[in-house]
Amino acid sequence: MRLWSNLDLMNDLGFKLQLCFTIIAPTPLLAVNFIVLGQTIPLLGPQYSRLSAKYYSIVFLTCDVVSLVIQAAGGALAATADDPTPGGNVMLGGIAFQTFAITMFCLLTIEFFYRHYTCRPVRTGPDVPQTNGVVTNGLKVLFSGLAFNTVVLYVRAIYRLLELVDGWNGVIIQTEWYFNVFDGVMIVLATFTWNCIHPMFWLPDSVPSKTGFKSNLKHMEMGTMDGITSVTSLQSQRTAAN
């Protein structure tokens, strides 16, 4: 779309399609982030999350869709009006809302992992399952992808925010490599991340609990110590016999 618009500067269709795809691009990728975290919360411990797993998906997917609708409305207005400024302002509102949603998602995610690591529940009660899952190697890979994906999409959102604040005639929107690096490359990286670290292969159905995991380690250590004691005793008996 960018190449088509560049080859024919007066082609309205190329400009409109480019604007639409640029707006839509991060939406499904952000949705994956929201769903992945919502699926891992029941595994590690709902008591450590400020929101339930269900509400993570509902709240943030709703924010994702609302942001998309606002940006799409602004993009349509900017593409069809003689003066694109009003439409650009609407798009700016949608991007600002999306950036706010990603920021809140990051803060809640960091809080969840911190509380899980330090065993500090934020929610208690009979209706909150008190599970305490171990972060397995597979989950570590998945969370690495989640963190990287969130960072690149956050960088892209900040770039788009600054681009629209600068205006349609600003330096940012007229500098091609800014768009290529901070928009195009970020979307490509986010896409390849979830293709290489697909949740279908890295998200387990269940994980061992911290209590059971520590208990097994303790039994293994006790068994090892018993074995060492038995070997030492046997050697002592042989020495005495000799």
C-alpha atoms as a PDB file:
ATOM      1  CA  MET A   1       0.000   0.000   0.000  1.00  0.00           C
ATOM      2  CA  ARG A   2       2.852   2.392   0.818  1.00  0.00           C
ATOM      3  CA  LEU A   3       4.563   1.572  -2.492  1.00  0.00           C
ATOM      4  CA  TRP A   4       1.313   1.994  -4.415  1.00  0.00           C
ATOM      5  CA  SER A   5       0.722   5.402  -2.827  1.00  0.00           C
ATOM      6  CA  ASN A   6       4.314   6.418  -3.506  1.00  0.00           C
ATOM      7  CA  LEU A   7       4.062   5.503  -7.194  1.00  0.00           C
ATOM      8  CA  ASP A   8       0.769   7.364  -7.593  1.00  0.00           C
ATOM      9  CA  LEU A   9       0.552  10.258  -5.125  1.00  0.00           C
ATOM     10  CA  MET A  10      -2.962  11.214  -6.260  1.00  0.00           C
ATOM     11  CA  ASN A  11      -4.378   7.711  -5.768  1.00  0.00           C
ATOM     12  CA  ASP A  12      -6.959   8.072  -2.984  1.00  0.00           C
ATOM     13  CA  LEU A  13      -7.680   4.334  -2.812  1.00  0.00           C
ATOM     14  CA  GLY A  14      -4.059   3.477  -2.067  1.00  0.00           C
ATOM     15  CA  PHE A  15      -3.929   6.083   0.687  1.00  0.00           C
ATOM     16  CA  LYS A  16      -7.191   4.887   2.253  1.00  0.00           C
ATOM     17  CA  LEU A  17      -6.182   1.214   2.205  1.00  0.00           C
ATOM     18  CA  GLN A  18      -2.796   2.064   3.661  1.00  0.00           C
ATOM     19  CA  LEU A  19      -4.449   4.009   6.466  1.00  0.00           C
ATOM     20  CA  CYS A  20      -6.895   1.169   7.212  1.00  0.00           C
ATOM     21  CA  PHE A  21      -4.239  -1.558   7.379  1.00  0.00           C
ATOM     22  CA  THR A  22      -1.962   0.610   9.493  1.00  0.00           C
ATOM     23  CA  ILE A  23      -4.795   1.100  11.997  1.00  0.00           C
ATOM     24  CA  ILE A  24      -5.884  -2.562  12.078  1.00  0.00           C
ATOM     25  CA  ALA A  25      -2.389  -4.144  12.228  1.00  0.00           C
ATOM     26  CA  PRO A  26      -1.730  -4.171  16.023  1.00  0.00           C
ATOM     27  CA  THR A  27      -5.275  -5.056  17.112  1.00  0.00           C
ATOM     28  CA  PRO A  28      -5.173  -8.879  16.749  1.00  0.00           C
ATOM     29  CA  LEU A  29      -1.610  -8.988  18.096  1.00  0.00           C
ATOM     30  CA  LEU A  30      -2.615  -7.116  21.247  1.00  0.00           C
ATOM     31  CA  ALA A  31      -5.626  -9.409  21.583  1.00  0.00           C
ATOM     32  CA  VAL A  32      -3.280 -12.419  21.693  1.00  0.00           C
ATOM     33  CA  ASN A  33      -1.320 -10.788  24.535  1.00  0.00           C
ATOM     34  CA  PHE A  34      -4.477 -10.196  26.554  1.00  0.00           C
ATOM     35  CA  ILE A  35      -5.778 -13.736  26.013  1.00  0.00           C
ATOM     36  CA  VAL A  36      -2.425 -15.408  26.788  1.00  0.00           C
ATOM     37  CA  LEU A  37      -2.144 -13.670  30.145  1.00  0.00           C
ATOM     38  CA  GLY A  38      -5.770 -14.499  30.931  1.00  0.00           C
ATOM     39  CA  GLN A  39      -5.073 -18.185  30.224  1.00  0.00           C
ATOM     40  CA  THR A  40      -1.969 -18.329  32.437  1.00  0.00           C
ATOM     41  CA  ILE A  41      -3.512 -16.686  35.512  1.00  0.00           C
ATOM     42  CA  PRO A  42      -5.524 -19.812  36.534  1.00  0.00           C
ATOM     43  CA  LEU A  43      -2.347 -21.889  36.193  1.00  0.00           C
ATOM     44  CA  LEU A  44      -0.141 -19.739  38.428  1.00  0.00           C
ATOM     45  CA  GLY A  45      -2.711 -18.415  40.899  1.00  0.00           C
ATOM     46  CA  PRO A  46      -5.829 -16.246  40.461  1.00  0.00           C
ATOM     47  CA  GLN A  47      -5.275 -14.842  43.955  1.00  0.00           C
ATOM     48  CA  TYR A  48      -2.241 -12.903  42.698  1.00  0.00           C
ATOM     49  CA  SER A  49      -4.169 -11.084  39.964  1.00  0.00           C
ATOM     50  CA  ARG A  50      -6.115  -7.892  40.579  1.00  0.00           C
ATOM     51  CA  LEU A  51      -8.557  -8.930  37.840  1.00  0.00           C
ATOM     52  CA  SER A  52      -9.936 -12.392  37.241  1.00  0.00           C
ATOM     53  CA  ALA A  53      -8.777 -14.258  34.132  1.00  0.00           C
ATOM     54  CA  LYS A  54     -12.176 -13.738  32.507  1.00  0.00           C
ATOM     55  CA  TYR A  55     -12.169 -10.004  33.125  1.00  0.00           C
ATOM     56  CA  TYR A  56      -8.668  -9.626  31.683  1.00  0.00           C
ATOM     57  CA  SER A  57      -9.999 -10.804  28.337  1.00  0.00           C
ATOM     58  CA  ILE A  58     -13.277  -8.876  28.594  1.00  0.00           C
ATOM     59  CA  VAL A  59     -11.816  -5.549  29.734  1.00  0.00           C
ATOM     60  CA  PHE A  60      -8.746  -5.389  27.502  1.00  0.00           C
ATOM     61  CA  LEU A  61     -10.334  -6.896  24.398  1.00  0.00           C
ATOM     62  CA  THR A  62     -13.136  -4.333  24.759  1.00  0.00           C
ATOM     63  CA  CYS A  63     -10.533  -1.564  25.012  1.00  0.00           C
ATOM     64  CA  ASP A  64      -8.812  -2.990  21.925  1.00  0.00           C
ATOM     65  CA  VAL A  65     -12.028  -2.937  19.897  1.00  0.00           C
ATOM     66  CA  VAL A  66     -13.048   0.543  21.127  1.00  0.00           C
ATOM     67  CA  SER A  67      -9.616   1.878  20.174  1.00  0.00           C
ATOM     68  CA  LEU A  68      -9.898   0.283  16.738  1.00  0.00           C
ATOM     69  CA  VAL A  69     -13.352   1.779  16.134  1.00  0.00           C
ATOM     70  CA  ILE A  70     -12.221   5.273  17.171  1.00  0.00           C
ATOM     71  CA  GLN A  71      -9.129   5.101  14.972  1.00  0.00           C
ATOM     72  CA  ALA A  72     -11.113   3.718  12.042  1.00  0.00           C
ATOM     73  CA  ALA A  73     -13.669   6.525  12.341  1.00  0.00           C
ATOM     74  CA  GLY A  74     -10.901   9.096  12.477  1.00  0.00           C
ATOM     75  CA  GLY A  75      -9.084   7.485   9.559  1.00  0.00           C
ATOM     76  CA  ALA A  76     -12.239   7.461   7.429  1.00  0.00           C
ATOM     77  CA  LEU A  77     -12.856  11.121   8.273  1.00  0.00           C
ATOM     78  CA  ALA A  78      -9.265  12.083   7.501  1.00  0.00           C
ATOM     79  CA  ALA A  79      -9.257  10.171   4.198  1.00  0.00           C
ATOM     80  CA  THR A  80     -12.488  11.676   2.865  1.00  0.00           C
ATOM     81  CA  ALA A  81     -12.418  15.255   4.191  1.00  0.00           C
ATOM     82  CA  ASP A  82     -10.679  18.180   2.519  1.00  0.00           C
ATOM     83  CA  ASP A  83      -8.994  18.976   5.828  1.00  0.00           C
ATOM     84  CA  PRO A  84      -7.588  15.814   7.484  1.00  0.00           C
ATOM     85  CA  THR A  85      -6.953  17.586  10.811  1.00  0.00           C
ATOM     86  CA  PRO A  86     -10.300  16.750  12.516  1.00  0.00           C
ATOM     87  CA  GLY A  87      -9.985  13.109  11.490  1.00  0.00           C
ATOM     88  CA  GLY A  88      -6.401  13.100  12.698  1.00  0.00           C
ATOM     89  CA  ASN A  89      -7.540  14.362  16.083  1.00  0.00           C
ATOM     90  CA  VAL A  90     -10.063  11.526  16.337  1.00  0.00           C
ATOM     91  CA  MET A  91      -7.354   9.038  15.422  1.00  0.00           C
ATOM     92  CA  LEU A  92      -5.120  10.616  18.046  1.00  0.00           C
ATOM     93  CA  GLY A  93      -7.815   9.991  20.652  1.00  0.00           C
ATOM     94  CA  GLY A  94      -8.015   6.328  19.614  1.00  0.00           C
ATOM     95  CA  ILE A  95      -4.231   5.875  19.747  1.00  0.00           C
ATOM     96  CA  ALA A  96      -4.068   7.627  23.131  1.00  0.00           C
ATOM     97  CA  PHE A  97      -6.749   5.275  24.466  1.00  0.00           C
ATOM     98  CA  GLN A  98      -4.884   2.261  23.081  1.00  0.00           C
ATOM     99  CA  THR A  99      -1.621   3.448  24.673  1.00  0.00           C
ATOM    100  CA  PHE A 100      -3.404   3.903  27.995  1.00  0.00           C
ATOM    101  CA  ALA A 101      -4.852   0.371  27.761  1.00  0.00           C
ATOM    102  CA  ILE A 102      -1.422  -1.137  27.016  1.00  0.00           C
ATOM    103  CA  THR A 103       0.082   0.815  29.931  1.00  0.00           C
ATOM    104  CA  MET A 104      -2.547  -0.503  32.343  1.00  0.00           C
ATOM    105  CA  PHE A 105      -2.055  -4.031  30.984  1.00  0.00           C
ATOM    106  CA  CYS A 106       1.706  -3.765  31.576  1.00  0.00           C
ATOM    107  CA  LEU A 107       1.252  -2.497  35.134  1.00  0.00           C
ATOM    108  CA  LEU A 108      -1.245  -5.220  36.044  1.00  0.00           C
ATOM    109  CA  THR A 109       0.936  -7.896  34.453  1.00  0.00           C
ATOM    110  CA  ILE A 110       4.047  -6.746  36.343  1.00  0.00           C
ATOM    111  CA  GLU A 111       2.055  -6.669  39.577  1.00  0.00           C
ATOM    112  CA  PHE A 112       0.731 -10.194  38.965  1.00  0.00           C
ATOM    113  CA  PHE A 113       4.190 -11.693  38.403  1.00  0.00           C
ATOM    114  CA  TYR A 114       5.641  -9.784  41.350  1.00  0.00           C
ATOM    115  CA  ARG A 115       2.909 -11.027  43.682  1.00  0.00           C
ATOM    116  CA  HIS A 116       3.277 -14.568  42.369  1.00  0.00           C
ATOM    117  CA  TYR A 117       7.058 -14.487  42.893  1.00  0.00           C
ATOM    118  CA  THR A 118       6.774 -13.076  46.423  1.00  0.00           C
ATOM    119  CA  CYS A 119       3.619 -15.074  47.327  1.00  0.00           C
ATOM    120  CA  ARG A 120       1.543 -11.986  48.182  1.00  0.00           C
ATOM    121  CA  PRO A 121      -2.104 -12.569  47.194  1.00  0.00           C
ATOM    122  CA  VAL A 122      -4.226  -9.562  46.337  1.00  0.00           C
ATOM    123  CA  ARG A 123      -7.560 -11.397  46.320  1.00  0.00           C
ATOM    124  CA  THR A 124      -8.830 -13.855  48.898  1.00  0.00           C
ATOM    125  CA  GLY A 125     -12.147 -15.525  49.570  1.00  0.00           C
ATOM    126  CA  PRO A 126     -14.001 -18.777  48.992  1.00  0.00           C
ATOM    127  CA  ASP A 127     -14.742 -17.842  45.364  1.00  0.00           C
ATOM    128  CA  VAL A 128     -11.045 -17.304  44.494  1.00  0.00           C
ATOM    129  CA  PRO A 129      -9.091 -20.528  43.802  1.00  0.00           C
ATOM    130  CA  GLN A 130      -5.871 -20.518  45.823  1.00  0.00           C
ATOM    131  CA  THR A 131      -3.602 -22.305  43.352  1.00  0.00           C
ATOM    132  CA  ASN A 132       0.137 -21.703  43.376  1.00  0.00           C
ATOM    133  CA  GLY A 133       1.660 -22.959  40.131  1.00  0.00           C
ATOM    134  CA  VAL A 134       5.326 -23.211  39.198  1.00  0.00           C
ATOM    135  CA  VAL A 135       6.618 -21.239  36.206  1.00  0.00           C
ATOM    136  CA  THR A 136       7.824 -24.115  34.040  1.00  0.00           C
ATOM    137  CA  ASN A 137      10.421 -23.818  31.272  1.00  0.00           C
ATOM    138  CA  GLY A 138       7.652 -23.752  28.688  1.00  0.00           C
ATOM    139  CA  LEU A 139       5.912 -20.895  30.485  1.00  0.00           C
ATOM    140  CA  LYS A 140       9.211 -19.003  30.696  1.00  0.00           C
ATOM    141  CA  VAL A 141       9.505 -19.162  26.918  1.00  0.00           C
ATOM    142  CA  LEU A 142       5.877 -18.078  26.538  1.00  0.00           C
ATOM    143  CA  PHE A 143       6.290 -15.168  28.969  1.00  0.00           C
ATOM    144  CA  SER A 144       9.454 -14.062  27.159  1.00  0.00           C
ATOM    145  CA  GLY A 145       7.422 -13.853  23.965  1.00  0.00           C
ATOM    146  CA  LEU A 146       4.626 -12.031  25.780  1.00  0.00           C
ATOM    147  CA  ALA A 147       7.046  -9.463  27.235  1.00  0.00           C
ATOM    148  CA  PHE A 148       8.839  -8.885  23.915  1.00  0.00           C
ATOM    149  CA  ASN A 149       5.568  -8.638  21.994  1.00  0.00           C
ATOM    150  CA  THR A 150       4.145  -6.122  24.464  1.00  0.00           C
ATOM    151  CA  VAL A 151       7.289  -3.961  24.307  1.00  0.00           C
ATOM    152  CA  VAL A 152       7.390  -3.728  20.500  1.00  0.00           C
ATOM    153  CA  LEU A 153       3.663  -2.957  20.280  1.00  0.00           C
ATOM    154  CA  TYR A 154       4.060  -0.341  22.997  1.00  0.00           C
ATOM    155  CA  VAL A 155       6.913   1.278  21.040  1.00  0.00           C
ATOM    156  CA  ARG A 156       4.689   1.298  17.967  1.00  0.00           C
ATOM    157  CA  ALA A 157       1.791   2.890  19.874  1.00  0.00           C
ATOM    158  CA  ILE A 158       4.046   5.658  21.250  1.00  0.00           C
ATOM    159  CA  TYR A 159       5.389   6.331  17.755  1.00  0.00           C
ATOM    160  CA  ARG A 160       1.881   6.640  16.327  1.00  0.00           C
ATOM    161  CA  LEU A 161       0.916   8.907  19.208  1.00  0.00           C
ATOM    162  CA  LEU A 162       3.858  11.236  18.576  1.00  0.00           C
ATOM    163  CA  GLU A 163       3.242  11.107  14.824  1.00  0.00           C
ATOM    164  CA  LEU A 164      -0.340  12.340  15.131  1.00  0.00           C
ATOM    165  CA  VAL A 165       0.565  14.928  17.778  1.00  0.00           C
ATOM    166  CA  ASP A 166       3.143  16.294  15.324  1.00  0.00           C
ATOM    167  CA  GLY A 167       0.414  16.669  12.696  1.00  0.00           C
ATOM    168  CA  TRP A 168      -0.062  15.708   9.052  1.00  0.00           C
ATOM    169  CA  ASN A 169       2.587  18.195   7.969  1.00  0.00           C
ATOM    170  CA  GLY A 170       5.014  17.355  10.755  1.00  0.00           C
ATOM    171  CA  VAL A 171       8.521  15.988  10.480  1.00  0.00           C
ATOM    172  CA  ILE A 172       7.633  12.559  11.895  1.00  0.00           C
ATOM    173  CA  ILE A 173       4.891  11.669   9.421  1.00  0.00           C
ATOM    174  CA  GLN A 174       7.026  12.890   6.501  1.00  0.00           C
ATOM    175  CA  THR A 175      10.121  10.893   7.478  1.00  0.00           C
ATOM    176  CA  GLU A 176       9.805   7.490   5.839  1.00  0.00           C
ATOM    177  CA  TRP A 177      12.344   5.552   7.906  1.00  0.00           C
ATOM    178  CA  TYR A 178      10.564   6.523  11.122  1.00  0.00           C
ATOM    179  CA  PHE A 179       7.480   4.706   9.862  1.00  0.00           C
ATOM    180  CA  ASN A 180       9.467   1.740   8.529  1.00  0.00           C
ATOM    181  CA  VAL A 181      11.319   1.191  11.812  1.00  0.00           C
ATOM    182  CA  PHE A 182       8.858   2.208  14.525  1.00  0.00           C
ATOM    183  CA  ASP A 183       5.684   0.944  12.847  1.00  0.00           C
ATOM    184  CA  GLY A 184       6.492  -1.615  10.164  1.00  0.00           C
ATOM    185  CA  VAL A 185       9.364  -3.408  11.887  1.00  0.00           C
ATOM    186  CA  MET A 186       7.514  -3.482  15.232  1.00  0.00           C
ATOM    187  CA  ILE A 187       4.478  -5.153  13.651  1.00  0.00           C
ATOM    188  CA  VAL A 188       6.681  -7.665  11.806  1.00  0.00           C
ATOM    189  CA  LEU A 189       8.541  -8.543  15.015  1.00  0.00           C
ATOM    190  CA  ALA A 190       5.285  -8.957  16.938  1.00  0.00           C
ATOM    191  CA  THR A 191       3.838 -11.179  14.201  1.00  0.00           C
ATOM    192  CA  PHE A 192       6.904 -13.421  14.015  1.00  0.00           C
ATOM    193  CA  THR A 193       7.060 -13.655  17.811  1.00  0.00           C
ATOM    194  CA  TRP A 194       3.689 -15.365  18.103  1.00  0.00           C
ATOM    195  CA  ASN A 195       4.400 -17.497  15.043  1.00  0.00           C
ATOM    196  CA  CYS A 196       7.661 -18.767  16.535  1.00  0.00           C
ATOM    197  CA  ILE A 197       6.391 -18.976  20.134  1.00  0.00           C
ATOM    198  CA  HIS A 198       2.867 -20.154  19.438  1.00  0.00           C
ATOM    199  CA  PRO A 199       0.738 -20.390  22.609  1.00  0.00           C
ATOM    200  CA  MET A 200      -0.739 -23.641  21.342  1.00  0.00           C
ATOM    201  CA  PHE A 201       2.624 -25.359  21.858  1.00  0.00           C
ATOM    202  CA  TRP A 202       3.913 -23.511  24.924  1.00  0.00           C
ATOM    203  CA  LEU A 203       0.786 -23.062  27.061  1.00  0.00           C
ATOM    204  CA  PRO A 204       0.320 -26.191  29.227  1.00  0.00           C
ATOM    205  CA  ASP A 205      -3.000 -27.524  30.475  1.00  0.00           C
ATOM    206  CA  SER A 206      -1.638 -27.619  34.022  1.00  0.00           C
ATOM    207  CA  VAL A 207       1.537 -26.970  36.014  1.00  0.00           C
ATOM    208  CA  PRO A 208       2.798 -28.414  39.321  1.00  0.00           C
ATOM    209  CA  SER A 209       2.118 -26.397  42.454  1.00  0.00           C
ATOM    210  CA  LYS A 210       4.941 -24.673  44.297  1.00  0.00           C
ATOM    211  CA  THR A 211       4.078 -26.643  47.449  1.00  0.00           C
ATOM    212  CA  GLY A 212       4.209 -29.986  45.685  1.00  0.00           C
ATOM    213  CA  PHE A 213       7.327 -28.991  43.787  1.00  0.00           C
ATOM    214  CA  LYS A 214       9.168 -27.987  46.967  1.00  0.00           C
ATOM    215  CA  SER A 215       7.902 -31.091  48.737  1.00  0.00           C
ATOM    216  CA  ASN A 216       9.263 -33.332  45.981  1.00  0.00           C
ATOM    217  CA  LEU A 217      12.605 -31.556  46.124  1.00  0.00           C
ATOM    218  CA  LYS A 218      12.694 -32.011  49.894  1.00  0.00           C
ATOM    219  CA  HIS A 219      11.959 -35.739  49.571  1.00  0.00           C
ATOM    220  CA  MET A 220      14.637 -36.072  46.914  1.00  0.00           C
ATOM    221  CA  GLU A 221      17.139 -34.283  49.143  1.00  0.00           C
ATOM    222  CA  MET A 222      16.161 -36.463  52.119  1.00  0.00           C
ATOM    223  CA  GLY A 223      16.534 -39.571  49.993  1.00  0.00           C
ATOM    224  CA  THR A 224      19.963 -38.445  48.868  1.00  0.00           C
ATOM    225  CA  MET A 225      21.037 -37.775  52.444  1.00  0.00           C
ATOM    226  CA  ASP A 226      19.728 -41.205  53.526  1.00  0.00           C
ATOM    227  CA  GLY A 227      21.722 -42.800  50.747  1.00  0.00           C
ATOM    228  CA  ILE A 228      24.880 -40.963  51.779  1.00  0.00           C
ATOM    229  CA  THR A 229      24.318 -42.009  55.410  1.00  0.00           C
ATOM    230  CA  SER A 230      23.845 -45.656  54.379  1.00  0.00           C
ATOM    231  CA  VAL A 231      27.035 -45.666  52.288  1.00  0.00           C
ATOM    232  CA  THR A 232      29.006 -44.045  55.136  1.00  0.00           C
ATOM    233  CA  SER A 233      27.671 -46.587  57.633  1.00  0.00           C
ATOM    234  CA  LEU A 234      28.552 -49.477  55.324  1.00  0.00           C
ATOM    235  CA  GLN A 235      32.092 -48.187  54.849  1.00  0.00           C
ATOM    236  CA  SER A 236      32.496 -47.848  58.633  1.00  0.00           C
ATOM    237  CA  GLN A 237      31.357 -51.446  59.146  1.00  0.00           C
ATOM    238  CA  ARG A 238      33.819 -52.718  56.561  1.00  0.00           C
ATOM    239  CA  THR A 239      36.652 -50.742  58.169  1.00  0.00           C
ATOM    240  CA  ALA A 240      35.810 -52.174  61.593  1.00  0.00           C
ATOM    241  CA  ALA A 241      35.670 -55.697  60.177  1.00  0.00           C
ATOM    242  CA  ASN A 242      39.100 -55.348  58.633  1.00  0.00           C
END
